[in-house]
């Protein structure tokens, strides 16, 4: 997606900012009639799809948004709605002169204003129980208990909202590396499939068929990743150069990020302590927030630096970019957060120091626990075992490569689907079949 280095023509930007998306689409067509460089043409073609997906992601008008908030929070009033609206608490865009609200705007209110969590009508008891399990395990690890290994069995199912004569489907499949071993396929929805080699950065199992349902069941063993780093033993390294470079459009060493990194790192020369300063700054200053689909952002790290908010992947990308600017190799790791009760998509980062090698950093898990310094600090250099790892790099092609823009061209946690005509809409869900200590 190198074409994202091109900015849109100013008249298209103006119409989008005014909410005149039909006019913007007409102007895009006018530009496409010109003799354009390939990247410029690609940017404009992508903008057509981006507008379609943007409008899909903002489905609620003001009345519907207010009703969503009333359904979600106790004693929510219309006066309160307008007060929050005037104070920038909601994510909305203007379409044809009317506000349209992002599909998860009401859930985001809890992250923006934590006092609203107490007013939720429906408490997620399963998630609360899982959080207690995690915190108890963190406490034991911090107090010196030996790390454990877990054997995990899980299933992910993708259901197409419409089918064609030839559907192509990719589902995430675990990678053996670092903390993961003994990956096994248990069952699949189709007799014929293709599992990408383990060294493919974003590993998948691939199906072709006419049906609307596709699934895979697998197992793997994962270890809790606990390290005892002595900073005085850390040395400079000239290796892992691949993970020191820019990767536009999201990992870009802009003057702003160079300046921010230099201000945070200061005169520190120890690579481990450089990464620690960056981790500390992000976990203390960037709040968690749901975001739009990643495909809608032109530069994710720039967004996080400007807005001081973002989800797990946004925070991980900012850490990776700033580490690379500071001369510390850093890379992506993602898949699921999975425990005995449930699983959900999750992203985090890795950074490299000699003589310890790759170490994990989970920015969003650390930042969410900034009131517990022992837990916050744990997620710099250590990682719990409640994970499924399918990806070890960002914005990389599948094997086999899709023909059209992916639903998420950056990561793969819930799968992808397409036909001969284009991207197919779908829904995915994960089931935890078993989670046991080895």
Protein backbone atom coordinates (compact mmCIF):
# COMPACT_ATOMS: atom_id res chain seq x y z
CA UNK A 1 0.00 0.00 0.00
CA UNK A 2 2.86 2.34 -0.87
CA UNK A 3 0.33 4.54 -2.70
CA UNK A 4 -0.68 6.02 0.67
CA UNK A 5 2.40 8.23 0.48
CA UNK A 6 0.33 10.30 -2.00
CA UNK A 7 -1.99 12.90 -0.51
CA UNK A 8 -5.40 13.46 -2.04
CA UNK A 9 -5.98 16.50 -4.26
CA UNK A 10 -7.10 19.48 -2.19
CA UNK A 11 -10.57 19.74 -3.74
CA UNK A 12 -11.30 16.11 -2.82
CA UNK A 13 -10.09 16.70 0.73
CA UNK A 14 -12.28 19.81 0.97
CA UNK A 15 -15.43 17.96 -0.10
CA UNK A 16 -14.75 15.07 2.27
CA UNK A 17 -14.20 17.47 5.17
CA UNK A 18 -17.54 19.11 4.35
CA UNK A 19 -19.21 15.68 4.24
CA UNK A 20 -19.95 15.88 0.52
CA UNK A 21 -18.87 12.33 -0.27
CA UNK A 22 -20.85 11.99 -3.49
CA UNK A 23 -19.09 15.08 -4.82
CA UNK A 24 -15.74 13.70 -3.67
CA UNK A 25 -16.38 10.46 -5.55
CA UNK A 26 -17.23 12.41 -8.72
CA UNK A 27 -14.00 14.40 -8.42
CA UNK A 28 -12.04 11.17 -8.00
CA UNK A 29 -13.49 9.88 -11.26
CA UNK A 30 -12.49 13.13 -12.96
CA UNK A 31 -8.90 12.72 -11.76
CA UNK A 32 -8.77 9.09 -12.84
CA UNK A 33 -9.35 10.17 -16.44
CA UNK A 34 -5.94 11.88 -16.36
CA UNK A 35 -2.58 10.30 -17.20
CA UNK A 36 -1.40 9.65 -13.64
CA UNK A 37 1.63 7.91 -12.09
CA UNK A 38 0.74 4.40 -10.90
CA UNK A 39 0.95 5.22 -7.18
CA UNK A 40 -1.19 8.34 -7.62
CA UNK A 41 -3.81 6.29 -9.49
CA UNK A 42 -3.68 3.59 -6.83
CA UNK A 43 -4.28 6.17 -4.09
CA UNK A 44 -7.37 7.51 -5.84
CA UNK A 45 -8.79 4.04 -6.53
CA UNK A 46 -8.23 3.14 -2.89
CA UNK A 47 -9.99 6.33 -1.78
CA UNK A 48 -13.17 5.16 -3.54
CA UNK A 49 -13.17 2.01 -1.44
CA UNK A 50 -12.15 3.92 1.67
CA UNK A 51 -15.17 6.23 1.35
CA UNK A 52 -17.50 3.26 1.01
CA UNK A 53 -16.05 1.64 4.12
CA UNK A 54 -16.03 4.90 6.06
CA UNK A 55 -19.74 5.37 5.50
CA UNK A 56 -20.35 1.76 6.57
CA UNK A 57 -18.47 2.43 9.82
CA UNK A 58 -20.64 5.45 10.76
CA UNK A 59 -24.18 4.04 10.69
CA UNK A 60 -26.02 6.02 13.43
CA UNK A 61 -27.72 9.39 13.12
CA UNK A 62 -28.15 11.64 16.19
CA UNK A 63 -31.43 10.09 17.33
CA UNK A 64 -30.06 6.56 16.95
CA UNK A 65 -26.86 7.57 18.76
CA UNK A 66 -28.85 8.93 21.70
CA UNK A 67 -30.91 5.73 21.87
CA UNK A 68 -27.70 3.65 21.87
CA UNK A 69 -26.42 5.61 24.86
CA UNK A 70 -29.73 5.22 26.71
CA UNK A 71 -29.55 1.46 26.11
CA UNK A 72 -25.96 1.32 27.35
CA UNK A 73 -25.87 3.59 30.43
CA UNK A 74 -28.11 4.07 33.45
CA UNK A 75 -30.09 7.33 33.65
CA UNK A 76 -28.66 8.80 30.46
CA UNK A 77 -30.40 12.05 29.51
CA UNK A 78 -30.74 14.04 26.30
CA UNK A 79 -29.14 17.04 28.02
CA UNK A 80 -26.15 14.86 28.90
CA UNK A 81 -25.92 13.72 25.28
CA UNK A 82 -25.67 17.28 23.99
CA UNK A 83 -23.17 18.24 26.70
CA UNK A 84 -20.88 15.35 25.74
CA UNK A 85 -21.35 16.13 22.06
CA UNK A 86 -20.32 19.76 22.57
CA UNK A 87 -17.24 18.66 24.51
CA UNK A 88 -15.90 16.32 21.81
CA UNK A 89 -16.62 13.03 23.59
CA UNK A 90 -18.04 11.22 20.54
CA UNK A 91 -16.56 10.04 17.26
CA UNK A 92 -18.72 11.25 14.38
CA UNK A 93 -18.43 12.54 10.83
CA UNK A 94 -20.70 14.84 8.84
CA UNK A 95 -22.47 13.28 5.85
CA UNK A 96 -24.65 15.52 3.70
CA UNK A 97 -24.89 18.04 6.53
CA UNK A 98 -25.87 15.52 9.23
CA UNK A 99 -23.81 13.93 12.00
CA UNK A 100 -23.21 10.18 11.67
CA UNK A 101 -21.71 8.29 14.63
CA UNK A 102 -19.09 5.55 14.60
CA UNK A 103 -20.41 2.05 15.31
CA UNK A 104 -18.60 1.69 18.67
CA UNK A 105 -18.77 5.32 19.80
CA UNK A 106 -20.86 4.47 22.88
CA UNK A 107 -18.37 1.84 24.08
CA UNK A 108 -15.54 4.32 23.60
CA UNK A 109 -17.16 6.63 26.13
CA UNK A 110 -15.98 4.29 28.89
CA UNK A 111 -12.35 4.68 27.76
CA UNK A 112 -12.62 8.46 27.32
CA UNK A 113 -14.46 8.96 30.63
CA UNK A 114 -13.89 5.99 33.00
CA UNK A 115 -16.63 7.17 35.39
CA UNK A 116 -19.17 5.86 32.87
CA UNK A 117 -18.09 2.27 33.49
CA UNK A 118 -20.05 2.29 36.76
CA UNK A 119 -23.19 3.28 34.85
CA UNK A 120 -23.11 0.40 32.36
CA UNK A 121 -26.42 -1.45 32.34
CA UNK A 122 -24.80 -4.74 31.33
CA UNK A 123 -21.61 -5.79 33.07
CA UNK A 124 -19.34 -8.18 31.18
CA UNK A 125 -18.99 -10.74 33.97
CA UNK A 126 -16.95 -13.15 31.84
CA UNK A 127 -14.41 -10.44 31.03
CA UNK A 128 -14.22 -9.39 34.68
CA UNK A 129 -13.58 -12.99 35.73
CA UNK A 130 -10.89 -13.33 33.05
CA UNK A 131 -9.24 -10.12 34.28
CA UNK A 132 -9.05 -11.55 37.80
CA UNK A 133 -7.47 -14.74 36.45
CA UNK A 134 -4.88 -12.70 34.56
CA UNK A 135 -4.06 -10.43 37.49
CA UNK A 136 -3.64 -13.35 39.85
CA UNK A 137 -1.26 -14.98 37.38
CA UNK A 138 0.69 -11.73 36.96
CA UNK A 139 0.99 -11.38 40.71
CA UNK A 140 2.45 -14.88 41.03
CA UNK A 141 4.93 -14.35 38.18
CA UNK A 142 6.05 -11.00 39.59
CA UNK A 143 6.57 -12.66 42.98
CA UNK A 144 8.94 -15.18 41.39
CA UNK A 145 6.80 -18.21 40.52
CA UNK A 146 8.24 -20.18 37.59
CA UNK A 147 6.63 -19.55 34.18
CA UNK A 148 4.14 -22.14 32.95
CA UNK A 149 3.27 -23.65 29.60
CA UNK A 150 -0.28 -24.10 28.32
CA UNK A 151 -1.81 -26.35 25.68
CA UNK A 152 -4.55 -24.43 23.91
CA UNK A 153 -7.22 -25.74 21.55
CA UNK A 154 -9.34 -23.22 19.69
CA UNK A 155 -11.65 -22.83 16.73
CA UNK A 156 -12.31 -19.83 14.50
CA UNK A 157 -15.34 -19.73 12.20
CA UNK A 158 -15.98 -17.33 9.33
CA UNK A 159 -19.50 -16.93 7.95
CA UNK A 160 -20.03 -15.09 4.67
CA UNK A 161 -22.93 -12.63 4.49
CA UNK A 162 -23.25 -13.48 0.82
CA UNK A 163 -21.79 -16.29 -1.28
CA UNK A 164 -20.63 -16.64 -4.86
CA UNK A 165 -19.68 -19.47 -7.17
CA UNK A 166 -16.10 -19.27 -5.93
CA UNK A 167 -15.29 -17.96 -2.47
CA UNK A 168 -11.69 -17.59 -1.33
CA UNK A 169 -11.21 -17.56 2.43
CA UNK A 170 -8.17 -17.08 4.67
CA UNK A 171 -8.25 -17.80 8.42
CA UNK A 172 -5.40 -17.12 10.88
CA UNK A 173 -3.26 -20.11 11.82
CA UNK A 174 -0.67 -20.26 14.64
CA UNK A 175 3.05 -19.76 14.01
CA UNK A 176 5.78 -21.72 15.77
CA UNK A 177 8.35 -19.22 17.01
CA UNK A 178 9.71 -17.71 20.21
CA UNK A 179 7.02 -18.56 22.81
CA UNK A 180 4.96 -20.96 20.65
CA UNK A 181 5.60 -24.65 19.81
CA UNK A 182 3.83 -27.88 18.80
CA UNK A 183 1.22 -26.34 16.47
CA UNK A 184 -1.26 -28.95 15.17
CA UNK A 185 -4.25 -28.84 12.84
CA UNK A 186 -7.20 -30.65 14.47
CA UNK A 187 -10.12 -30.15 12.08
CA UNK A 188 -11.12 -28.01 9.13
CA UNK A 189 -14.43 -27.28 7.42
CA UNK A 190 -13.18 -28.48 4.01
CA UNK A 191 -11.16 -31.48 2.91
CA UNK A 192 -9.04 -29.36 0.61
CA UNK A 193 -7.07 -26.49 2.11
CA UNK A 194 -3.62 -24.93 2.11
CA UNK A 195 -1.66 -23.98 5.23
CA UNK A 196 0.96 -21.31 4.59
CA UNK A 197 4.53 -22.17 5.63
CA UNK A 198 5.56 -21.20 9.12
CA UNK A 199 7.95 -18.52 7.84
CA UNK A 200 5.17 -16.53 6.11
CA UNK A 201 4.86 -13.37 8.27
CA UNK A 202 1.06 -13.59 8.45
CA UNK A 203 0.23 -17.28 8.55
CA UNK A 204 -3.13 -18.54 7.32
CA UNK A 205 -5.10 -21.58 6.31
CA UNK A 206 -6.72 -21.02 2.89
CA UNK A 207 -9.98 -22.44 1.49
CA UNK A 208 -11.91 -22.25 -1.75
CA UNK A 209 -15.58 -23.18 -1.92
CA UNK A 210 -19.20 -22.23 -2.56
CA UNK A 211 -20.37 -22.61 1.04
CA UNK A 212 -20.98 -19.74 3.45
CA UNK A 213 -19.21 -21.25 6.50
CA UNK A 214 -15.48 -21.99 6.95
CA UNK A 215 -13.68 -23.03 10.12
CA UNK A 216 -10.42 -24.38 11.47
CA UNK A 217 -9.62 -26.02 14.80
CA UNK A 218 -6.02 -26.16 16.01
CA UNK A 219 -3.88 -26.59 19.08
CA UNK A 220 -0.52 -25.24 20.18
CA UNK A 221 1.66 -24.95 23.26
CA UNK A 222 2.60 -21.50 24.53
CA UNK A 223 4.90 -20.51 27.36
CA UNK A 224 4.75 -17.53 29.64
CA UNK A 225 7.56 -15.25 28.53
CA UNK A 226 9.45 -13.91 31.55
CA UNK A 227 12.88 -12.28 31.34
CA UNK A 228 15.31 -10.98 33.92
CA UNK A 229 17.19 -8.25 32.08
CA UNK A 230 20.26 -6.63 33.61
CA UNK A 231 20.63 -3.31 31.76
CA UNK A 232 24.37 -3.10 32.42
CA UNK A 233 24.87 -6.27 30.38
CA UNK A 234 23.07 -4.87 27.33
CA UNK A 235 25.29 -3.98 24.37
CA UNK A 236 24.85 -2.21 21.03
CA UNK A 237 24.11 -4.46 18.07
CA UNK A 238 24.42 -4.09 14.32
CA UNK A 239 22.16 -7.02 13.47
CA UNK A 240 18.43 -7.21 12.74
CA UNK A 241 18.71 -4.28 10.35
CA UNK A 242 15.46 -5.24 8.62
CA UNK A 243 13.63 -4.09 11.73
CA UNK A 244 15.33 -0.71 11.88
CA UNK A 245 13.97 0.68 8.63
CA UNK A 246 10.97 2.75 7.65
CA UNK A 247 7.96 0.92 6.18
CA UNK A 248 5.56 3.50 4.72
CA UNK A 249 2.81 4.43 5.10
CA UNK A 250 2.58 3.68 8.84
CA UNK A 251 6.19 3.29 10.01
CA UNK A 252 7.61 6.62 8.86
CA UNK A 253 10.45 8.58 10.47
CA UNK A 254 8.79 11.97 10.15
CA UNK A 255 10.45 15.09 11.61
CA UNK A 256 7.74 15.15 14.28
CA UNK A 257 8.37 11.57 15.42
CA UNK A 258 12.13 12.05 15.28
CA UNK A 259 11.77 15.10 17.50
CA UNK A 260 9.38 13.31 19.90
CA UNK A 261 11.68 10.29 20.16
CA UNK A 262 14.73 12.47 20.82
CA UNK A 263 12.86 14.39 23.52
CA UNK A 264 11.78 11.16 25.25
CA UNK A 265 15.06 9.23 24.92
CA UNK A 266 17.33 12.19 25.63
CA UNK A 267 20.99 11.31 25.96
CA UNK A 268 20.36 7.66 26.86
CA UNK A 269 22.63 5.27 24.93
CA UNK A 270 21.62 1.89 26.39
CA UNK A 271 19.19 0.23 23.88
CA UNK A 272 17.15 -1.43 26.62
CA UNK A 273 16.72 1.81 28.53
CA UNK A 274 15.88 3.69 25.32
CA UNK A 275 13.03 1.25 24.68
CA UNK A 276 11.97 1.52 28.33
CA UNK A 277 11.71 5.31 28.11
CA UNK A 278 9.53 4.99 25.00
CA UNK A 279 7.36 2.32 26.65
CA UNK A 280 6.92 4.47 29.77
CA UNK A 281 5.92 7.54 27.77
CA UNK A 282 3.31 5.67 25.71
CA UNK A 283 1.80 3.75 28.62
CA UNK A 284 1.47 6.92 30.72
CA UNK A 285 0.32 9.31 27.98
CA UNK A 286 -1.68 7.39 25.34
CA UNK A 287 -5.14 6.20 26.36
CA UNK A 288 -6.81 3.14 24.94
CA UNK A 289 -9.58 3.80 22.41
CA UNK A 290 -11.45 1.80 19.82
CA UNK A 291 -10.58 3.01 16.34
CA UNK A 292 -12.01 2.82 12.86
CA UNK A 293 -10.89 -0.07 10.63
CA UNK A 294 -7.13 0.22 10.12
CA UNK A 295 -7.64 0.49 6.35
CA UNK A 296 -9.17 3.95 6.84
CA UNK A 297 -5.98 5.54 8.22
CA UNK A 298 -3.29 7.09 6.05
CA UNK A 299 -0.62 7.07 8.79
CA UNK A 300 -1.45 5.28 12.03
CA UNK A 301 1.58 6.38 14.06
CA UNK A 302 0.97 10.00 13.10
CA UNK A 303 -2.63 9.66 14.32
CA UNK A 304 -1.53 8.29 17.71
CA UNK A 305 1.11 10.97 18.20
CA UNK A 306 -1.38 13.73 17.37
CA UNK A 307 -4.37 12.39 19.33
CA UNK A 308 -2.69 10.51 22.20
CA UNK A 309 -5.17 7.67 21.85
CA UNK A 310 -5.47 4.40 19.97
CA UNK A 311 -6.09 0.69 20.35
CA UNK A 312 -3.54 -2.06 20.99
CA UNK A 313 -2.17 -2.10 17.44
CA UNK A 314 -1.96 1.68 17.19
CA UNK A 315 0.07 1.84 20.39
CA UNK A 316 2.31 -1.04 19.30
CA UNK A 317 3.03 0.67 15.98
CA UNK A 318 4.01 3.92 17.69
CA UNK A 319 6.38 1.99 19.96
CA UNK A 320 7.89 0.11 17.00
CA UNK A 321 8.39 3.30 14.99
CA UNK A 322 9.97 5.24 17.85
CA UNK A 323 12.24 2.31 18.80
CA UNK A 324 13.50 2.11 15.22
CA UNK A 325 14.14 5.86 15.18
CA UNK A 326 16.14 5.41 18.40
CA UNK A 327 18.18 2.60 16.82
CA UNK A 328 16.45 -0.27 18.66
CA UNK A 329 15.18 -3.04 16.33
CA UNK A 330 11.45 -3.56 16.81
CA UNK A 331 8.69 -5.55 15.14
CA UNK A 332 5.08 -6.66 15.30
CA UNK A 333 3.41 -9.67 16.91
CA UNK A 334 -0.31 -10.31 16.96
CA UNK A 335 -3.17 -12.75 16.96
CA UNK A 336 -5.47 -13.16 19.95
CA UNK A 337 -5.62 -12.63 23.65
CA UNK A 338 -7.03 -16.03 24.65
CA UNK A 339 -7.74 -17.36 28.14
CA UNK A 340 -9.87 -20.23 29.47
CA UNK A 341 -13.05 -18.14 29.12
CA UNK A 342 -12.89 -16.27 25.80
CA UNK A 343 -10.64 -14.91 23.05
CA UNK A 344 -10.42 -11.57 21.24
CA UNK A 345 -8.09 -9.94 18.68
CA UNK A 346 -4.93 -8.38 20.09
CA UNK A 347 -1.62 -6.82 18.95
CA UNK A 348 1.65 -6.12 20.74
CA UNK A 349 5.31 -5.49 19.91
CA UNK A 350 8.78 -7.04 20.17
CA UNK A 351 12.12 -5.28 20.54
CA UNK A 352 15.64 -6.67 20.21
CA UNK A 353 18.62 -6.21 22.51
CA UNK A 354 21.91 -8.04 22.93
CA UNK A 355 22.51 -10.50 24.50
CA UNK A 356 18.85 -11.25 25.32
CA UNK A 357 17.41 -11.30 21.79
CA UNK A 358 13.75 -10.51 21.15
CA UNK A 359 11.69 -9.29 24.11
CA UNK A 360 7.94 -8.48 24.21
CA UNK A 361 6.23 -5.18 25.00
CA UNK A 362 2.46 -4.97 25.33
CA UNK A 363 1.67 -1.27 25.34
CA UNK A 364 -2.10 -1.39 25.76
CA UNK A 365 -2.03 -4.03 28.50
CA UNK A 366 0.64 -2.03 30.31
CA UNK A 367 -1.13 1.29 29.85
CA UNK A 368 -4.45 -0.13 31.06
CA UNK A 369 -2.68 -1.04 34.30
CA UNK A 370 -0.85 2.23 34.91
CA UNK A 371 -2.40 2.39 38.39
CA UNK A 372 -0.59 -0.87 39.24
CA UNK A 373 3.09 -0.14 38.64
CA UNK A 374 4.14 -3.78 39.08
CA UNK A 375 1.67 -4.89 36.38
CA UNK A 376 2.50 -1.97 34.06
CA UNK A 377 6.23 -2.68 34.33
CA UNK A 378 5.70 -6.42 33.78
CA UNK A 379 4.52 -5.85 30.21
CA UNK A 380 7.86 -4.31 29.27
CA UNK A 381 10.04 -7.34 28.52
CA UNK A 382 7.54 -9.98 29.67
CA UNK A 383 4.29 -11.47 28.43
CA UNK A 384 1.53 -13.63 29.84
CA UNK A 385 0.73 -16.99 28.24
CA UNK A 386 -2.82 -16.06 27.27
CA UNK A 387 -2.01 -15.57 23.57
CA UNK A 388 -2.35 -17.05 20.08
CA UNK A 389 0.31 -15.81 17.66
CA UNK A 390 -0.51 -15.84 13.94
CA UNK A 391 1.47 -12.79 12.74
CA UNK A 392 5.03 -11.61 13.33
CA UNK A 393 5.06 -8.68 10.92
CA UNK A 394 2.80 -5.87 9.78
CA UNK A 395 1.30 -5.13 6.32
CA UNK A 396 2.59 -8.34 4.75
CA UNK A 397 1.01 -10.47 2.01
CA UNK A 398 -0.81 -13.73 2.58
CA UNK A 399 0.18 -16.96 0.86
CA UNK A 400 -1.65 -17.23 -1.51
CA UNK A 401 -2.00 -13.51 -2.15
CA UNK A 402 -5.52 -12.02 -2.38
CA UNK A 403 -6.53 -10.31 -5.61
CA UNK A 404 -8.34 -7.39 -3.97
CA UNK A 405 -7.91 -5.02 -1.03
CA UNK A 406 -8.21 -6.94 2.21
CA UNK A 407 -10.73 -6.03 4.89
CA UNK A 408 -7.65 -5.35 7.05
CA UNK A 409 -4.58 -4.86 4.85
CA UNK A 410 -2.34 -4.45 7.89
CA UNK A 411 -3.02 -7.41 10.19
CA UNK A 412 -4.93 -10.71 10.28
CA UNK A 413 -6.82 -11.76 13.39
CA UNK A 414 -10.30 -12.74 12.16
CA UNK A 415 -9.79 -13.80 8.54
CA UNK A 416 -10.44 -12.47 5.05
CA UNK A 417 -12.76 -13.40 2.18
CA UNK A 418 -13.18 -12.48 -1.48
CA UNK A 419 -14.83 -13.62 -4.70
CA UNK A 420 -13.88 -13.15 -8.34
CA UNK A 421 -15.55 -9.73 -8.14
CA UNK A 422 -14.06 -8.31 -4.96
CA UNK A 423 -13.93 -8.31 -1.16
CA UNK A 424 -16.76 -10.26 0.55
CA UNK A 425 -18.46 -9.17 3.81
CA UNK A 426 -18.32 -11.69 6.65
CA UNK A 427 -18.46 -12.18 10.39
CA UNK A 428 -16.05 -14.28 12.45
CA UNK A 429 -16.08 -15.66 15.96
CA UNK A 430 -13.62 -17.59 18.13
CA UNK A 431 -14.30 -20.49 20.49
CA UNK A 432 -11.93 -21.67 23.21
CA UNK A 433 -12.13 -25.47 23.15
CA UNK A 434 -9.68 -26.11 25.99
CA UNK A 435 -6.96 -24.28 27.90
CA UNK A 436 -4.84 -26.42 30.18
CA UNK A 437 -1.50 -26.28 31.92
CA UNK A 438 1.15 -28.60 30.46
